[in-house]
Protein backbone atom coordinates (compact mmCIF):
# COMPACT_ATOMS: atom_id res chain seq x y z
CA MET A 1 -11.89 -5.81 -17.25
CA TRP A 2 -8.70 -4.11 -18.47
CA ARG A 3 -10.26 -0.71 -17.91
CA ASP A 4 -11.12 -1.60 -14.30
CA LEU A 5 -7.59 -2.87 -13.70
CA GLY A 6 -6.12 0.32 -15.16
CA THR A 7 -8.42 2.42 -12.99
CA ALA A 8 -7.41 0.47 -9.89
CA LEU A 9 -3.70 0.89 -10.67
CA CYS A 10 -4.16 4.63 -11.19
CA LEU A 11 -5.93 4.91 -7.84
CA VAL A 12 -3.08 3.01 -6.17
CA LEU A 13 -0.60 5.52 -7.60
CA VAL A 14 -2.69 8.47 -6.40
CA ILE A 15 -3.06 7.03 -2.90
CA GLU A 16 0.61 6.00 -2.68
CA GLY A 17 1.69 9.48 -3.75
CA MET A 18 -0.41 11.33 -1.20
CA LEU A 19 1.79 10.76 1.86
CA PRO A 20 5.13 11.77 0.29
CA PHE A 21 3.42 14.85 -1.17
CA LEU A 22 1.64 15.90 2.02
CA SER A 23 4.27 14.94 4.60
CA PRO A 24 7.67 14.03 3.16
CA ARG A 25 9.41 13.95 6.55
CA SER A 26 6.96 11.46 8.01
CA TRP A 27 7.18 9.38 4.84
CA LYS A 28 11.00 9.28 5.07
CA ALA A 29 10.80 8.26 8.73
CA GLY A 30 8.40 5.46 7.85
CA VAL A 31 10.71 4.23 5.09
CA ARG A 32 13.65 4.25 7.52
CA GLN A 33 11.63 2.15 9.97
CA ALA A 34 10.66 -0.29 7.21
CA LEU A 35 14.31 -0.64 6.21
CA ALA A 36 15.13 -1.64 9.80
CA LEU A 37 12.63 -4.54 9.74
CA ASN A 38 13.70 -8.02 8.77
CA ASP A 39 12.39 -9.68 5.61
CA ARG A 40 9.96 -11.94 7.45
CA SER A 41 8.24 -9.04 9.18
CA LEU A 42 7.86 -7.18 5.90
CA ARG A 43 6.42 -10.28 4.22
CA VAL A 44 3.90 -10.79 7.03
CA MET A 45 2.85 -7.13 6.80
CA GLY A 46 2.53 -7.44 3.01
CA LEU A 47 0.45 -10.59 3.33
CA ALA A 48 -1.80 -8.95 5.92
CA ALA A 49 -2.29 -5.93 3.64
CA MET A 50 -3.14 -8.15 0.66
CA LEU A 51 -5.63 -10.21 2.68
CA CYS A 52 -7.30 -7.08 4.10
CA GLY A 53 -7.52 -5.56 0.63
CA ALA A 54 -8.97 -8.73 -0.89
CA GLY A 55 -11.45 -9.05 1.97
CA LEU A 56 -12.60 -5.45 1.65
CA LEU A 57 -12.89 -5.81 -2.11
CA TYR A 58 -15.04 -8.91 -1.62
CA LEU A 59 -17.31 -7.06 0.82
CA ILE A 60 -17.64 -4.01 -1.44
CA ARG A 61 -18.29 -5.98 -4.63
C-alpha cells in the first residue's frame, strides 16, 4: 500500500511539473487567473477535481 501511495505521489509531481517546464508563460498566466478567483470558486474547482479523480480511479480499479 505504501509503495502504491509513493508511486502515485511521484506521478502527481511529474504531471504537475510538466506544464511549468513545457510552457512557463502559460503556467504563469493560469496562476494569475487562479489568484483572481475568490476562495469559494477555488474550493468548488478543487472539489470537482477530487471527485473526478476519485471517480476515474474507481472506474480504472
